[in-house]
Amino acid sequence: MAKELKVPNLGENISSAEVLKVLVKVGDKIDKEQSILEISSDKATLEIPADFSGIVK
């Protein structure tokens, strides 16, 4: 079953971010809290962790 990934609040006055790198690939097993995306906003570059464990499809 597919699950939705939600980007956390990036801070005051930041309404968008760009995905710089996807850190996992299809078929990878991921653990909760494992970094899966690298994003960049006007003020920072962040790694986004998974909210759940599973297999990337």
PDB file of N, CA and C in Angstrom:
ATOM      1  N   MET A   1       0.847  -1.176   0.000  1.00  0.00           N
ATOM      2  CA  MET A   1       0.000   0.000   0.000  1.00  0.00           C
ATOM      3  C   MET A   1       0.894   1.242   0.000  1.00  0.00           C
ATOM      4  N   ALA A   2       0.599   2.173  -0.855  1.00  0.00           N
ATOM      5  CA  ALA A   2       1.354   3.426  -0.941  1.00  0.00           C
ATOM      6  C   ALA A   2       1.036   4.313   0.256  1.00  0.00           C
ATOM      7  N   LYS A   3       2.042   5.035   0.727  1.00  0.00           N
ATOM      8  CA  LYS A   3       1.857   5.979   1.827  1.00  0.00           C
ATOM      9  C   LYS A   3       2.346   7.344   1.381  1.00  0.00           C
ATOM     10  N   GLU A   4       1.704   8.371   1.887  1.00  0.00           N
ATOM     11  CA  GLU A   4       2.042   9.746   1.536  1.00  0.00           C
ATOM     12  C   GLU A   4       3.192  10.248   2.392  1.00  0.00           C
ATOM     13  N   LEU A   5       4.139  10.900   1.759  1.00  0.00           N
ATOM     14  CA  LEU A   5       5.264  11.512   2.459  1.00  0.00           C
ATOM     15  C   LEU A   5       4.947  12.979   2.673  1.00  0.00           C
ATOM     16  N   LYS A   6       5.048  13.435   3.911  1.00  0.00           N
ATOM     17  CA  LYS A   6       4.774  14.837   4.213  1.00  0.00           C
ATOM     18  C   LYS A   6       6.073  15.532   4.614  1.00  0.00           C
ATOM     19  N   VAL A   7       6.315  16.662   3.994  1.00  0.00           N
ATOM     20  CA  VAL A   7       7.489  17.464   4.334  1.00  0.00           C
ATOM     21  C   VAL A   7       7.169  18.241   5.603  1.00  0.00           C
ATOM     22  N   PRO A   8       8.056  18.196   6.590  1.00  0.00           N
ATOM     23  CA  PRO A   8       7.798  18.928   7.832  1.00  0.00           C
ATOM     24  C   PRO A   8       7.796  20.436   7.611  1.00  0.00           C
ATOM     25  N   ASN A   9       7.252  21.154   8.569  1.00  0.00           N
ATOM     26  CA  ASN A   9       7.250  22.612   8.533  1.00  0.00           C
ATOM     27  C   ASN A   9       8.698  23.083   8.424  1.00  0.00           C
ATOM     28  N   LEU A  10       8.988  23.876   7.424  1.00  0.00           N
ATOM     29  CA  LEU A  10      10.356  24.319   7.168  1.00  0.00           C
ATOM     30  C   LEU A  10      10.710  25.618   7.868  1.00  0.00           C
ATOM     31  N   GLY A  11       9.753  26.215   8.531  1.00  0.00           N
ATOM     32  CA  GLY A  11      10.018  27.449   9.247  1.00  0.00           C
ATOM     33  C   GLY A  11       9.148  28.582   8.762  1.00  0.00           C
ATOM     34  N   GLU A  12       9.209  29.653   9.491  1.00  0.00           N
ATOM     35  CA  GLU A  12       8.411  30.835   9.192  1.00  0.00           C
ATOM     36  C   GLU A  12       8.775  31.417   7.828  1.00  0.00           C
ATOM     37  N   ASN A  13       7.776  31.756   7.063  1.00  0.00           N
ATOM     38  CA  ASN A  13       7.925  32.402   5.752  1.00  0.00           C
ATOM     39  C   ASN A  13       8.590  31.537   4.680  1.00  0.00           C
ATOM     40  N   ILE A  14       8.655  30.221   4.890  1.00  0.00           N
ATOM     41  CA  ILE A  14       9.171  29.319   3.859  1.00  0.00           C
ATOM     42  C   ILE A  14       8.000  28.479   3.373  1.00  0.00           C
ATOM     43  N   SER A  15       7.621  28.694   2.113  1.00  0.00           N
ATOM     44  CA  SER A  15       6.431  28.008   1.603  1.00  0.00           C
ATOM     45  C   SER A  15       6.752  26.931   0.574  1.00  0.00           C
ATOM     46  N   SER A  16       8.017  26.827   0.158  1.00  0.00           N
ATOM     47  CA  SER A  16       8.353  25.807  -0.832  1.00  0.00           C
ATOM     48  C   SER A  16       9.807  25.377  -0.671  1.00  0.00           C
ATOM     49  N   ALA A  17      10.101  24.221  -1.256  1.00  0.00           N
ATOM     50  CA  ALA A  17      11.463  23.697  -1.246  1.00  0.00           C
ATOM     51  C   ALA A  17      11.657  22.864  -2.501  1.00  0.00           C
ATOM     52  N   GLU A  18      12.902  22.678  -2.881  1.00  0.00           N
ATOM     53  CA  GLU A  18      13.252  21.897  -4.066  1.00  0.00           C
ATOM     54  C   GLU A  18      13.906  20.592  -3.627  1.00  0.00           C
ATOM     55  N   VAL A  19      13.513  19.485  -4.247  1.00  0.00           N
ATOM     56  CA  VAL A  19      14.164  18.206  -3.970  1.00  0.00           C
ATOM     57  C   VAL A  19      15.503  18.203  -4.700  1.00  0.00           C
ATOM     58  N   LEU A  20      16.583  18.074  -3.938  1.00  0.00           N
ATOM     59  CA  LEU A  20      17.923  18.040  -4.525  1.00  0.00           C
ATOM     60  C   LEU A  20      18.339  16.621  -4.880  1.00  0.00           C
ATOM     61  N   LYS A  21      17.990  15.673  -3.992  1.00  0.00           N
ATOM     62  CA  LYS A  21      18.444  14.306  -4.194  1.00  0.00           C
ATOM     63  C   LYS A  21      17.477  13.342  -3.515  1.00  0.00           C
ATOM     64  N   VAL A  22      17.169  12.253  -4.203  1.00  0.00           N
ATOM     65  CA  VAL A  22      16.416  11.149  -3.612  1.00  0.00           C
ATOM     66  C   VAL A  22      17.466  10.154  -3.134  1.00  0.00           C
ATOM     67  N   LEU A  23      17.461   9.849  -1.841  1.00  0.00           N
ATOM     68  CA  LEU A  23      18.525   9.054  -1.231  1.00  0.00           C
ATOM     69  C   LEU A  23      18.253   7.551  -1.237  1.00  0.00           C
ATOM     70  N   VAL A  24      17.101   7.142  -1.742  1.00  0.00           N
ATOM     71  CA  VAL A  24      16.742   5.724  -1.817  1.00  0.00           C
ATOM     72  C   VAL A  24      16.292   5.406  -3.236  1.00  0.00           C
ATOM     73  N   LYS A  25      16.247   4.118  -3.555  1.00  0.00           N
ATOM     74  CA  LYS A  25      15.773   3.725  -4.885  1.00  0.00           C
ATOM     75  C   LYS A  25      14.714   2.636  -4.748  1.00  0.00           C
ATOM     76  N   VAL A  26      13.996   2.388  -5.824  1.00  0.00           N
ATOM     77  CA  VAL A  26      12.950   1.371  -5.835  1.00  0.00           C
ATOM     78  C   VAL A  26      13.544   0.036  -5.397  1.00  0.00           C
ATOM     79  N   GLY A  27      12.854  -0.617  -4.474  1.00  0.00           N
ATOM     80  CA  GLY A  27      13.305  -1.904  -3.958  1.00  0.00           C
ATOM     81  C   GLY A  27      14.058  -1.809  -2.648  1.00  0.00           C
ATOM     82  N   ASP A  28      14.525  -0.603  -2.281  1.00  0.00           N
ATOM     83  CA  ASP A  28      15.249  -0.430  -1.018  1.00  0.00           C
ATOM     84  C   ASP A  28      14.320  -0.643   0.167  1.00  0.00           C
ATOM     85  N   LYS A  29      14.854  -1.302   1.210  1.00  0.00           N
ATOM     86  CA  LYS A  29      14.138  -1.403   2.479  1.00  0.00           C
ATOM     87  C   LYS A  29      14.553  -0.188   3.297  1.00  0.00           C
ATOM     88  N   ILE A  30      13.578   0.547   3.808  1.00  0.00           N
ATOM     89  CA  ILE A  30      13.889   1.723   4.622  1.00  0.00           C
ATOM     90  C   ILE A  30      13.362   1.535   6.034  1.00  0.00           C
ATOM     91  N   ASP A  31      14.034   2.156   6.972  1.00  0.00           N
ATOM     92  CA  ASP A  31      13.633   2.136   8.373  1.00  0.00           C
ATOM     93  C   ASP A  31      13.053   3.489   8.754  1.00  0.00           C
ATOM     94  N   LYS A  32      12.185   3.487   9.746  1.00  0.00           N
ATOM     95  CA  LYS A  32      11.634   4.737  10.261  1.00  0.00           C
ATOM     96  C   LYS A  32      12.798   5.625  10.695  1.00  0.00           C
ATOM     97  N   GLU A  33      12.718   6.897  10.365  1.00  0.00           N
ATOM     98  CA  GLU A  33      13.726   7.919  10.682  1.00  0.00           C
ATOM     99  C   GLU A  33      14.941   7.885   9.753  1.00  0.00           C
ATOM    100  N   GLN A  34      15.004   6.967   8.783  1.00  0.00           N
ATOM    101  CA  GLN A  34      16.095   6.948   7.806  1.00  0.00           C
ATOM    102  C   GLN A  34      15.922   8.114   6.842  1.00  0.00           C
ATOM    103  N   SER A  35      16.993   8.812   6.530  1.00  0.00           N
ATOM    104  CA  SER A  35      16.924   9.918   5.566  1.00  0.00           C
ATOM    105  C   SER A  35      16.602   9.370   4.187  1.00  0.00           C
ATOM    106  N   ILE A  36      15.592   9.979   3.534  1.00  0.00           N
ATOM    107  CA  ILE A  36      15.180   9.491   2.217  1.00  0.00           C
ATOM    108  C   ILE A  36      15.223  10.571   1.135  1.00  0.00           C
ATOM    109  N   LEU A  37      15.191  11.834   1.534  1.00  0.00           N
ATOM    110  CA  LEU A  37      15.245  12.946   0.581  1.00  0.00           C
ATOM    111  C   LEU A  37      16.173  14.026   1.099  1.00  0.00           C
ATOM    112  N   GLU A  38      16.789  14.752   0.186  1.00  0.00           N
ATOM    113  CA  GLU A  38      17.531  15.960   0.527  1.00  0.00           C
ATOM    114  C   GLU A  38      16.822  17.109  -0.174  1.00  0.00           C
ATOM    115  N   ILE A  39      16.400  18.103   0.603  1.00  0.00           N
ATOM    116  CA  ILE A  39      15.677  19.237   0.029  1.00  0.00           C
ATOM    117  C   ILE A  39      16.390  20.538   0.352  1.00  0.00           C
ATOM    118  N   SER A  40      16.084  21.554  -0.444  1.00  0.00           N
ATOM    119  CA  SER A  40      16.686  22.864  -0.245  1.00  0.00           C
ATOM    120  C   SER A  40      15.605  23.930  -0.322  1.00  0.00           C
ATOM    121  N   SER A  41      15.651  24.856   0.632  1.00  0.00           N
ATOM    122  CA  SER A  41      14.770  26.027   0.605  1.00  0.00           C
ATOM    123  C   SER A  41      15.657  27.257   0.475  1.00  0.00           C
ATOM    124  N   ASP A  42      15.049  28.418   0.559  1.00  0.00           N
ATOM    125  CA  ASP A  42      15.826  29.656   0.485  1.00  0.00           C
ATOM    126  C   ASP A  42      16.839  29.774   1.620  1.00  0.00           C
ATOM    127  N   LYS A  43      16.550  29.115   2.752  1.00  0.00           N
ATOM    128  CA  LYS A  43      17.370  29.324   3.942  1.00  0.00           C
ATOM    129  C   LYS A  43      18.206  28.130   4.384  1.00  0.00           C
ATOM    130  N   ALA A  44      17.891  26.913   3.919  1.00  0.00           N
ATOM    131  CA  ALA A  44      18.602  25.745   4.433  1.00  0.00           C
ATOM    132  C   ALA A  44      18.493  24.555   3.488  1.00  0.00           C
ATOM    133  N   THR A  45      19.419  23.613   3.675  1.00  0.00           N
ATOM    134  CA  THR A  45      19.347  22.311   3.018  1.00  0.00           C
ATOM    135  C   THR A  45      19.131  21.284   4.122  1.00  0.00           C
ATOM    136  N   LEU A  46      18.135  20.421   3.938  1.00  0.00           N
ATOM    137  CA  LEU A  46      17.754  19.460   4.971  1.00  0.00           C
ATOM    138  C   LEU A  46      17.603  18.068   4.397  1.00  0.00           C
ATOM    139  N   GLU A  47      17.846  17.053   5.240  1.00  0.00           N
ATOM    140  CA  GLU A  47      17.506  15.681   4.890  1.00  0.00           C
ATOM    141  C   GLU A  47      16.179  15.358   5.552  1.00  0.00           C
ATOM    142  N   ILE A  48      15.281  14.742   4.796  1.00  0.00           N
ATOM    143  CA  ILE A  48      13.950  14.408   5.292  1.00  0.00           C
ATOM    144  C   ILE A  48      13.918  12.921   5.635  1.00  0.00           C
ATOM    145  N   PRO A  49      13.548  12.586   6.892  1.00  0.00           N
ATOM    146  CA  PRO A  49      13.483  11.180   7.289  1.00  0.00           C
ATOM    147  C   PRO A  49      12.124  10.560   6.955  1.00  0.00           C
ATOM    148  N   ALA A  50      12.124   9.241   6.837  1.00  0.00           N
ATOM    149  CA  ALA A  50      10.883   8.495   6.621  1.00  0.00           C
ATOM    150  C   ALA A  50      10.069   8.494   7.912  1.00  0.00           C
ATOM    151  N   ASP A  51       8.749   8.580   7.769  1.00  0.00           N
ATOM    152  CA  ASP A  51       7.846   8.516   8.923  1.00  0.00           C
ATOM    153  C   ASP A  51       7.513   7.077   9.290  1.00  0.00           C
ATOM    154  N   PHE A  52       7.920   6.132   8.456  1.00  0.00           N
ATOM    155  CA  PHE A  52       7.550   4.728   8.641  1.00  0.00           C
ATOM    156  C   PHE A  52       8.601   3.855   7.963  1.00  0.00           C
ATOM    157  N   SER A  53       8.617   2.577   8.290  1.00  0.00           N
ATOM    158  CA  SER A  53       9.520   1.646   7.619  1.00  0.00           C
ATOM    159  C   SER A  53       8.760   0.922   6.518  1.00  0.00           C
ATOM    160  N   GLY A  54       9.492   0.359   5.576  1.00  0.00           N
ATOM    161  CA  GLY A  54       8.859  -0.369   4.488  1.00  0.00           C
ATOM    162  C   GLY A  54       9.806  -0.542   3.321  1.00  0.00           C
ATOM    163  N   ILE A  55       9.239  -0.860   2.164  1.00  0.00           N
ATOM    164  CA  ILE A  55      10.011  -1.052   0.940  1.00  0.00           C
ATOM    165  C   ILE A  55       9.570  -0.014  -0.080  1.00  0.00           C
ATOM    166  N   VAL A  56      10.533   0.640  -0.712  1.00  0.00           N
ATOM    167  CA  VAL A  56      10.244   1.681  -1.703  1.00  0.00           C
ATOM    168  C   VAL A  56       9.722   1.022  -2.980  1.00  0.00           C
ATOM    169  N   LYS A  57       8.584   1.519  -3.452  1.00  0.00           N
ATOM    170  CA  LYS A  57       7.993   0.987  -4.697  1.00  0.00           C
ATOM    171  C   LYS A  57       7.871   2.074  -5.730  1.00  0.00           C
TER     172      LYS A  57
END
